[in-house]
Amino acid sequence: MESSPHILVVDDDQEIRKLLGRYLQGQGFRVTLVQDGRHAEEALASNRIDLVVLDLMLPDTSGLELCRTLRGRSDVPVILLTALKEDVDRIIGLEVGADDYLGKPFNPRELLARIRAVLRRTSAREAPPPAPAQQTFHFAGFTAYPATRRVLDAASAEVPLTGAEFELLLAFLQRPGRLLTRDQLLDITQGRSAASFDRSIDVLLSRVRRKLGDAGNFRIFKTLRNGGYQLTVPVETMQAPALPPETP
């Protein structure tokens, strides 16, 4: 079972932990169960975790704060769980780097579908790059390397995109100049395996814009009211013989 994905469940509700532990193990996952942020940090430090299921309300910290801290040093995907229903809480969760969001109470089968969808989206980051020349996208002074899920700016500095952010950017790079609606972007990036609320795409694109220095002036992306979004800069697709080395 060592090759199966390792899921970390962080929830202070013992019954939920037991339920998810039994269910996810029955689906072939390795599972570690912890009840608070301190034990989550210990589990992350001592194990290779493939995905974190993280409750928003923890006894010793906020799930949002733990997600923000984790995102600052790792790209391990995070699915937030919470009993709160307000859109603002969902949006904040996405803004701090969560890959998906599920409200309580929830059906374990829906969580399973979301876990599998997120793992599919992020698995390409774990695969070694193929030996032949790599496809790259050049746009607005940036270069995107799909094989390694990296984006470099004109000075060869890396732009720190999460897996979900890179998937969204890649959807535009592969369709330059084309108007893409929210529903189309959800289909392309998530496969509609789970029903995401419309604002998730808005928040993801806002994060991509900010990291590309495109916040406020819409130089790279154009928003069309009641329509969707459009990549407005030219995109050049090339085959690069070699990839730049990772930045330490």
C-alpha atoms as a PDB file:
ATOM      1  CA  MET A   1       0.000   0.000   0.000  1.00  0.00           C
ATOM      2  CA  GLU A   2       3.005   2.309   0.101  1.00  0.00           C
ATOM      3  CA  SER A   3       2.258   3.470  -3.429  1.00  0.00           C
ATOM      4  CA  SER A   4      -1.288   4.557  -2.555  1.00  0.00           C
ATOM      5  CA  PRO A   5      -1.914   8.256  -1.819  1.00  0.00           C
ATOM      6  CA  HIS A   6      -1.477   9.308   1.790  1.00  0.00           C
ATOM      7  CA  ILE A   7      -4.324  11.468   3.115  1.00  0.00           C
ATOM      8  CA  LEU A   8      -4.018  13.572   6.287  1.00  0.00           C
ATOM      9  CA  VAL A   9      -7.387  14.252   7.945  1.00  0.00           C
ATOM     10  CA  VAL A  10      -7.345  17.150  10.436  1.00  0.00           C
ATOM     11  CA  ASP A  11     -10.617  17.426  12.402  1.00  0.00           C
ATOM     12  CA  ASP A  12     -11.358  17.800  16.106  1.00  0.00           C
ATOM     13  CA  ASP A  13     -14.551  15.717  15.798  1.00  0.00           C
ATOM     14  CA  GLN A  14     -13.578  12.165  16.739  1.00  0.00           C
ATOM     15  CA  GLU A  15     -16.584  10.596  15.023  1.00  0.00           C
ATOM     16  CA  ILE A  16     -15.825  12.348  11.739  1.00  0.00           C
ATOM     17  CA  ARG A  17     -12.173  11.286  11.964  1.00  0.00           C
ATOM     18  CA  LYS A  18     -13.132   7.659  12.536  1.00  0.00           C
ATOM     19  CA  LEU A  19     -15.722   7.727   9.758  1.00  0.00           C
ATOM     20  CA  LEU A  20     -13.324   9.223   7.223  1.00  0.00           C
ATOM     21  CA  GLY A  21     -10.493   6.981   8.328  1.00  0.00           C
ATOM     22  CA  ARG A  22     -12.511   3.813   7.778  1.00  0.00           C
ATOM     23  CA  TYR A  23     -14.071   5.036   4.548  1.00  0.00           C
ATOM     24  CA  LEU A  24     -10.886   6.313   2.892  1.00  0.00           C
ATOM     25  CA  GLN A  25      -8.892   3.257   3.920  1.00  0.00           C
ATOM     26  CA  GLY A  26     -11.648   1.130   2.387  1.00  0.00           C
ATOM     27  CA  GLN A  27     -11.106   3.064  -0.855  1.00  0.00           C
ATOM     28  CA  GLY A  28      -7.404   2.174  -0.923  1.00  0.00           C
ATOM     29  CA  PHE A  29      -5.871   5.289   0.646  1.00  0.00           C
ATOM     30  CA  ARG A  30      -3.350   5.455   3.449  1.00  0.00           C
ATOM     31  CA  VAL A  31      -4.805   7.721   6.142  1.00  0.00           C
ATOM     32  CA  THR A  32      -3.393   9.633   9.099  1.00  0.00           C
ATOM     33  CA  LEU A  33      -5.930  11.118  11.535  1.00  0.00           C
ATOM     34  CA  VAL A  34      -5.148  14.069  13.841  1.00  0.00           C
ATOM     35  CA  GLN A  35      -7.321  16.353  15.939  1.00  0.00           C
ATOM     36  CA  ASP A  36      -5.553  19.726  15.894  1.00  0.00           C
ATOM     37  CA  GLY A  37      -3.007  21.958  14.204  1.00  0.00           C
ATOM     38  CA  ARG A  38      -0.048  20.890  16.356  1.00  0.00           C
ATOM     39  CA  HIS A  39      -0.457  17.236  15.489  1.00  0.00           C
ATOM     40  CA  ALA A  40      -1.072  18.152  11.852  1.00  0.00           C
ATOM     41  CA  GLU A  41       2.293  19.947  11.735  1.00  0.00           C
ATOM     42  CA  GLU A  42       3.982  16.885  13.268  1.00  0.00           C
ATOM     43  CA  ALA A  43       2.352  14.558  10.736  1.00  0.00           C
ATOM     44  CA  LEU A  44       3.369  16.788   7.826  1.00  0.00           C
ATOM     45  CA  ALA A  45       6.950  16.965   9.101  1.00  0.00           C
ATOM     46  CA  SER A  46       7.329  13.212   9.498  1.00  0.00           C
ATOM     47  CA  ASN A  47       5.340  11.853   6.532  1.00  0.00           C
ATOM     48  CA  ARG A  48       5.004  12.384   2.820  1.00  0.00           C
ATOM     49  CA  ILE A  49       1.415  13.612   2.652  1.00  0.00           C
ATOM     50  CA  ASP A  50      -0.342  13.700  -0.737  1.00  0.00           C
ATOM     51  CA  LEU A  51      -3.462  15.635   0.318  1.00  0.00           C
ATOM     52  CA  VAL A  52      -4.822  17.305   3.465  1.00  0.00           C
ATOM     53  CA  VAL A  53      -8.505  17.259   4.450  1.00  0.00           C
ATOM     54  CA  LEU A  54      -8.621  20.195   6.861  1.00  0.00           C
ATOM     55  CA  ASP A  55     -11.442  21.319   9.147  1.00  0.00           C
ATOM     56  CA  LEU A  56     -11.865  25.082   9.368  1.00  0.00           C
ATOM     57  CA  MET A  57     -12.478  25.096  13.128  1.00  0.00           C
ATOM     58  CA  LEU A  58      -9.698  23.559  15.230  1.00  0.00           C
ATOM     59  CA  PRO A  59      -9.126  23.794  18.998  1.00  0.00           C
ATOM     60  CA  ASP A  60      -5.653  25.323  18.812  1.00  0.00           C
ATOM     61  CA  THR A  61      -5.679  27.276  15.541  1.00  0.00           C
ATOM     62  CA  SER A  62      -7.782  28.270  12.568  1.00  0.00           C
ATOM     63  CA  GLY A  63      -7.873  25.943   9.593  1.00  0.00           C
ATOM     64  CA  LEU A  64      -7.472  29.019   7.416  1.00  0.00           C
ATOM     65  CA  GLU A  65      -4.304  30.011   9.236  1.00  0.00           C
ATOM     66  CA  LEU A  66      -2.915  26.481   9.022  1.00  0.00           C
ATOM     67  CA  CYS A  67      -3.715  26.399   5.295  1.00  0.00           C
ATOM     68  CA  ARG A  68      -1.983  29.756   4.798  1.00  0.00           C
ATOM     69  CA  THR A  69       1.109  28.575   6.678  1.00  0.00           C
ATOM     70  CA  LEU A  70       1.213  25.309   4.777  1.00  0.00           C
ATOM     71  CA  ARG A  71       0.807  27.006   1.423  1.00  0.00           C
ATOM     72  CA  GLY A  72       3.762  29.260   2.200  1.00  0.00           C
ATOM     73  CA  ARG A  73       6.141  26.304   2.247  1.00  0.00           C
ATOM     74  CA  SER A  74       4.440  23.494   0.294  1.00  0.00           C
ATOM     75  CA  ASP A  75       2.132  22.820  -2.648  1.00  0.00           C
ATOM     76  CA  VAL A  76       0.432  19.803  -1.028  1.00  0.00           C
ATOM     77  CA  PRO A  77      -3.265  20.086  -1.989  1.00  0.00           C
ATOM     78  CA  VAL A  78      -5.789  21.061   0.687  1.00  0.00           C
ATOM     79  CA  ILE A  79      -9.547  20.446   0.854  1.00  0.00           C
ATOM     80  CA  LEU A  80     -11.274  22.517   3.539  1.00  0.00           C
ATOM     81  CA  LEU A  81     -14.208  21.222   5.614  1.00  0.00           C
ATOM     82  CA  THR A  82     -16.495  23.530   7.554  1.00  0.00           C
ATOM     83  CA  ALA A  83     -19.995  23.852   8.948  1.00  0.00           C
ATOM     84  CA  LEU A  84     -20.045  27.529   7.991  1.00  0.00           C
ATOM     85  CA  LYS A  85     -22.177  28.363   4.956  1.00  0.00           C
ATOM     86  CA  GLU A  86     -21.304  31.955   4.119  1.00  0.00           C
ATOM     87  CA  ASP A  87     -19.675  32.528   0.733  1.00  0.00           C
ATOM     88  CA  VAL A  88     -17.107  34.847   2.314  1.00  0.00           C
ATOM     89  CA  ASP A  89     -15.630  31.935   4.297  1.00  0.00           C
ATOM     90  CA  ARG A  90     -15.403  29.820   1.161  1.00  0.00           C
ATOM     91  CA  ILE A  91     -13.754  32.642  -0.756  1.00  0.00           C
ATOM     92  CA  ILE A  92     -11.212  33.302   2.009  1.00  0.00           C
ATOM     93  CA  GLY A  93     -10.365  29.610   2.021  1.00  0.00           C
ATOM     94  CA  LEU A  94      -9.600  29.689  -1.686  1.00  0.00           C
ATOM     95  CA  GLU A  95      -7.666  32.933  -1.347  1.00  0.00           C
ATOM     96  CA  VAL A  96      -5.275  31.423   1.208  1.00  0.00           C
ATOM     97  CA  GLY A  97      -4.536  28.538  -1.151  1.00  0.00           C
ATOM     98  CA  ALA A  98      -7.086  25.762  -0.597  1.00  0.00           C
ATOM     99  CA  ASP A  99      -7.707  23.613  -3.673  1.00  0.00           C
ATOM    100  CA  ASP A 100     -11.335  22.809  -2.881  1.00  0.00           C
ATOM    101  CA  TYR A 101     -14.033  23.322  -0.256  1.00  0.00           C
ATOM    102  CA  LEU A 102     -16.803  21.142   1.181  1.00  0.00           C
ATOM    103  CA  GLY A 103     -19.448  22.177   3.707  1.00  0.00           C
ATOM    104  CA  LYS A 104     -20.631  20.049   6.616  1.00  0.00           C
ATOM    105  CA  PRO A 105     -22.614  17.860   6.777  1.00  0.00           C
ATOM    106  CA  PHE A 106     -21.290  16.085   3.705  1.00  0.00           C
ATOM    107  CA  ASN A 107     -21.561  12.736   1.983  1.00  0.00           C
ATOM    108  CA  PRO A 108     -18.248  10.814   2.220  1.00  0.00           C
ATOM    109  CA  ARG A 109     -18.714   9.803  -1.424  1.00  0.00           C
ATOM    110  CA  GLU A 110     -18.687  13.474  -2.440  1.00  0.00           C
ATOM    111  CA  LEU A 111     -15.493  14.058  -0.461  1.00  0.00           C
ATOM    112  CA  LEU A 112     -13.984  10.996  -2.147  1.00  0.00           C
ATOM    113  CA  ALA A 113     -14.866  12.414  -5.587  1.00  0.00           C
ATOM    114  CA  ARG A 114     -13.237  15.739  -4.686  1.00  0.00           C
ATOM    115  CA  ILE A 115     -10.114  14.038  -3.318  1.00  0.00           C
ATOM    116  CA  ARG A 116      -9.711  12.017  -6.501  1.00  0.00           C
ATOM    117  CA  ALA A 117     -10.299  15.084  -8.689  1.00  0.00           C
ATOM    118  CA  VAL A 118      -7.708  17.165  -6.807  1.00  0.00           C
ATOM    119  CA  LEU A 119      -5.173  14.330  -6.886  1.00  0.00           C
ATOM    120  CA  ARG A 120      -5.678  13.968 -10.644  1.00  0.00           C
ATOM    121  CA  ARG A 121      -5.071  17.683 -11.138  1.00  0.00           C
ATOM    122  CA  THR A 122      -1.899  17.659  -9.045  1.00  0.00           C
ATOM    123  CA  SER A 123      -0.427  14.281 -10.025  1.00  0.00           C
ATOM    124  CA  ALA A 124       1.320  15.756 -13.058  1.00  0.00           C
ATOM    125  CA  ARG A 125       3.560  17.761 -10.712  1.00  0.00           C
ATOM    126  CA  GLU A 126       4.896  14.509  -9.268  1.00  0.00           C
ATOM    127  CA  ALA A 127       5.686  12.841 -12.593  1.00  0.00           C
ATOM    128  CA  PRO A 128       9.277  13.157 -13.845  1.00  0.00           C
ATOM    129  CA  PRO A 129       9.581  15.222 -17.023  1.00  0.00           C
ATOM    130  CA  PRO A 130       9.828  13.159 -20.205  1.00  0.00           C
ATOM    131  CA  ALA A 131      13.183  12.953 -21.946  1.00  0.00           C
ATOM    132  CA  PRO A 132      12.234  14.643 -25.260  1.00  0.00           C
ATOM    133  CA  ALA A 133      12.053  18.397 -25.774  1.00  0.00           C
ATOM    134  CA  GLN A 134       9.440  20.129 -23.621  1.00  0.00           C
ATOM    135  CA  GLN A 135       6.557  22.275 -24.771  1.00  0.00           C
ATOM    136  CA  THR A 136       6.592  25.790 -23.362  1.00  0.00           C
ATOM    137  CA  PHE A 137       4.243  28.763 -23.551  1.00  0.00           C
ATOM    138  CA  HIS A 138       5.648  32.302 -23.819  1.00  0.00           C
ATOM    139  CA  PHE A 139       3.294  35.191 -22.954  1.00  0.00           C
ATOM    140  CA  ALA A 140       3.640  38.748 -21.638  1.00  0.00           C
ATOM    141  CA  GLY A 141       7.258  38.164 -20.595  1.00  0.00           C
ATOM    142  CA  PHE A 142       6.486  34.892 -18.801  1.00  0.00           C
ATOM    143  CA  THR A 143       7.310  31.291 -19.745  1.00  0.00           C
ATOM    144  CA  ALA A 144       5.134  28.383 -18.587  1.00  0.00           C
ATOM    145  CA  TYR A 145       6.510  24.832 -18.443  1.00  0.00           C
ATOM    146  CA  PRO A 146       3.595  22.352 -18.280  1.00  0.00           C
ATOM    147  CA  ALA A 147       5.906  19.353 -17.753  1.00  0.00           C
ATOM    148  CA  THR A 148       7.134  20.704 -14.419  1.00  0.00           C
ATOM    149  CA  ARG A 149       4.157  22.968 -13.589  1.00  0.00           C
ATOM    150  CA  ARG A 150       6.410  26.029 -13.382  1.00  0.00           C
ATOM    151  CA  VAL A 151       6.115  29.639 -14.541  1.00  0.00           C
ATOM    152  CA  LEU A 152       9.159  31.922 -14.832  1.00  0.00           C
ATOM    153  CA  ASP A 153       9.139  35.665 -15.347  1.00  0.00           C
ATOM    154  CA  ALA A 154      11.414  37.619 -17.695  1.00  0.00           C
ATOM    155  CA  ALA A 155      14.217  37.544 -15.106  1.00  0.00           C
ATOM    156  CA  SER A 156      13.894  33.729 -14.753  1.00  0.00           C
ATOM    157  CA  ALA A 157      12.409  34.101 -11.263  1.00  0.00           C
ATOM    158  CA  GLU A 158       9.756  31.532 -10.468  1.00  0.00           C
ATOM    159  CA  VAL A 159       6.130  32.623 -10.009  1.00  0.00           C
ATOM    160  CA  PRO A 160       4.737  30.539  -7.090  1.00  0.00           C
ATOM    161  CA  LEU A 161       1.479  29.126  -8.452  1.00  0.00           C
ATOM    162  CA  THR A 162      -0.507  26.404  -6.704  1.00  0.00           C
ATOM    163  CA  GLY A 163      -1.654  23.372  -8.664  1.00  0.00           C
ATOM    164  CA  ALA A 164      -5.164  24.778  -9.146  1.00  0.00           C
ATOM    165  CA  GLU A 165      -3.780  28.157 -10.249  1.00  0.00           C
ATOM    166  CA  PHE A 166      -1.463  26.552 -12.799  1.00  0.00           C
ATOM    167  CA  GLU A 167      -4.311  24.434 -14.207  1.00  0.00           C
ATOM    168  CA  LEU A 168      -6.409  27.559 -14.699  1.00  0.00           C
ATOM    169  CA  LEU A 169      -3.569  29.466 -16.365  1.00  0.00           C
ATOM    170  CA  LEU A 170      -2.826  26.504 -18.632  1.00  0.00           C
ATOM    171  CA  ALA A 171      -6.466  26.400 -19.737  1.00  0.00           C
ATOM    172  CA  PHE A 172      -6.067  29.951 -21.077  1.00  0.00           C
ATOM    173  CA  LEU A 173      -2.622  29.368 -22.588  1.00  0.00           C
ATOM    174  CA  GLN A 174      -3.947  26.428 -24.581  1.00  0.00           C
ATOM    175  CA  ARG A 175      -6.836  28.574 -25.856  1.00  0.00           C
ATOM    176  CA  PRO A 176      -5.367  32.079 -26.420  1.00  0.00           C
ATOM    177  CA  GLY A 177      -7.883  34.760 -27.357  1.00  0.00           C
ATOM    178  CA  ARG A 178     -10.859  32.494 -26.751  1.00  0.00           C
ATOM    179  CA  LEU A 179     -13.679  33.568 -24.428  1.00  0.00           C
ATOM    180  CA  LEU A 180     -14.033  31.003 -21.640  1.00  0.00           C
ATOM    181  CA  THR A 181     -17.070  30.991 -19.359  1.00  0.00           C
ATOM    182  CA  ARG A 182     -16.937  29.925 -15.722  1.00  0.00           C
ATOM    183  CA  ASP A 183     -18.686  26.649 -16.563  1.00  0.00           C
ATOM    184  CA  GLN A 184     -16.187  25.921 -19.348  1.00  0.00           C
ATOM    185  CA  LEU A 185     -13.277  26.635 -17.008  1.00  0.00           C
ATOM    186  CA  LEU A 186     -14.743  24.325 -14.372  1.00  0.00           C
ATOM    187  CA  ASP A 187     -15.128  21.595 -16.987  1.00  0.00           C
ATOM    188  CA  ILE A 188     -11.550  22.048 -18.221  1.00  0.00           C
ATOM    189  CA  THR A 189      -9.826  22.317 -14.848  1.00  0.00           C
ATOM    190  CA  GLN A 190     -11.991  20.114 -12.619  1.00  0.00           C
ATOM    191  CA  GLY A 191     -13.933  17.870 -14.986  1.00  0.00           C
ATOM    192  CA  ARG A 192     -17.158  18.684 -13.140  1.00  0.00           C
ATOM    193  CA  SER A 193     -16.456  15.750 -10.826  1.00  0.00           C
ATOM    194  CA  ALA A 194     -17.711  17.928  -7.997  1.00  0.00           C
ATOM    195  CA  ALA A 195     -20.091  20.844  -8.018  1.00  0.00           C
ATOM    196  CA  SER A 196     -18.006  23.924  -7.324  1.00  0.00           C
ATOM    197  CA  PHE A 197     -19.622  27.290  -6.779  1.00  0.00           C
ATOM    198  CA  ASP A 198     -19.063  29.877  -9.484  1.00  0.00           C
ATOM    199  CA  ARG A 199     -16.969  32.235  -7.373  1.00  0.00           C
ATOM    200  CA  SER A 200     -14.179  29.638  -7.086  1.00  0.00           C
ATOM    201  CA  ILE A 201     -13.043  30.439 -10.642  1.00  0.00           C
ATOM    202  CA  ASP A 202     -13.226  34.182  -9.934  1.00  0.00           C
ATOM    203  CA  VAL A 203     -11.054  33.803  -6.841  1.00  0.00           C
ATOM    204  CA  LEU A 204      -8.533  31.517  -8.571  1.00  0.00           C
ATOM    205  CA  LEU A 205      -8.148  33.923 -11.479  1.00  0.00           C
ATOM    206  CA  SER A 206      -7.784  36.847  -9.068  1.00  0.00           C
ATOM    207  CA  ARG A 207      -4.870  35.004  -7.420  1.00  0.00           C
ATOM    208  CA  VAL A 208      -3.256  34.249 -10.799  1.00  0.00           C
ATOM    209  CA  ARG A 209      -3.599  37.891 -11.834  1.00  0.00           C
ATOM    210  CA  ARG A 210      -2.030  39.100  -8.610  1.00  0.00           C
ATOM    211  CA  LYS A 211       0.935  36.742  -8.904  1.00  0.00           C
ATOM    212  CA  LEU A 212       1.510  37.727 -12.545  1.00  0.00           C
ATOM    213  CA  GLY A 213       1.360  41.436 -11.641  1.00  0.00           C
ATOM    214  CA  ASP A 214      -1.905  41.762 -13.544  1.00  0.00           C
ATOM    215  CA  ALA A 215      -4.113  42.912 -10.692  1.00  0.00           C
ATOM    216  CA  GLY A 216      -6.213  45.967 -11.451  1.00  0.00           C
ATOM    217  CA  ASN A 217      -5.147  46.738 -15.005  1.00  0.00           C
ATOM    218  CA  PHE A 218      -6.266  43.554 -16.796  1.00  0.00           C
ATOM    219  CA  ARG A 219      -3.288  43.662 -19.146  1.00  0.00           C
ATOM    220  CA  ILE A 220      -3.160  39.888 -19.554  1.00  0.00           C
ATOM    221  CA  PHE A 221      -6.754  38.859 -18.869  1.00  0.00           C
ATOM    222  CA  LYS A 222      -9.991  40.548 -19.864  1.00  0.00           C
ATOM    223  CA  THR A 223     -13.236  40.164 -17.931  1.00  0.00           C
ATOM    224  CA  LEU A 224     -16.443  40.172 -19.943  1.00  0.00           C
ATOM    225  CA  ARG A 225     -19.549  40.968 -17.930  1.00  0.00           C
ATOM    226  CA  ASN A 226     -21.946  38.002 -17.791  1.00  0.00           C
ATOM    227  CA  GLY A 227     -19.638  36.224 -20.198  1.00  0.00           C
ATOM    228  CA  GLY A 228     -16.401  34.974 -18.734  1.00  0.00           C
ATOM    229  CA  TYR A 229     -12.705  35.641 -19.200  1.00  0.00           C
ATOM    230  CA  GLN A 230     -10.285  35.962 -22.075  1.00  0.00           C
ATOM    231  CA  LEU A 231      -6.501  35.823 -22.381  1.00  0.00           C
ATOM    232  CA  THR A 232      -5.728  38.893 -24.476  1.00  0.00           C
ATOM    233  CA  VAL A 233      -1.947  38.709 -24.954  1.00  0.00           C
ATOM    234  CA  PRO A 234      -0.208  36.727 -27.731  1.00  0.00           C
ATOM    235  CA  VAL A 235       0.960  33.226 -26.793  1.00  0.00           C
ATOM    236  CA  GLU A 236       3.934  31.580 -28.470  1.00  0.00           C
ATOM    237  CA  THR A 237       4.215  27.797 -28.183  1.00  0.00           C
ATOM    238  CA  MET A 238       7.703  26.336 -28.521  1.00  0.00           C
ATOM    239  CA  GLN A 239       9.637  23.137 -27.920  1.00  0.00           C
ATOM    240  CA  ALA A 240      12.477  23.778 -25.484  1.00  0.00           C
ATOM    241  CA  PRO A 241      15.436  21.371 -25.558  1.00  0.00           C
ATOM    242  CA  ALA A 242      16.027  21.767 -21.835  1.00  0.00           C
ATOM    243  CA  LEU A 243      14.334  23.170 -18.764  1.00  0.00           C
ATOM    244  CA  PRO A 244      15.955  25.755 -16.474  1.00  0.00           C
ATOM    245  CA  PRO A 245      17.212  24.379 -13.155  1.00  0.00           C
ATOM    246  CA  GLU A 246      15.048  24.607 -10.057  1.00  0.00           C
ATOM    247  CA  THR A 247      15.612  27.700  -7.937  1.00  0.00           C
ATOM    248  CA  PRO A 248      17.009  26.678  -4.536  1.00  0.00           C
END
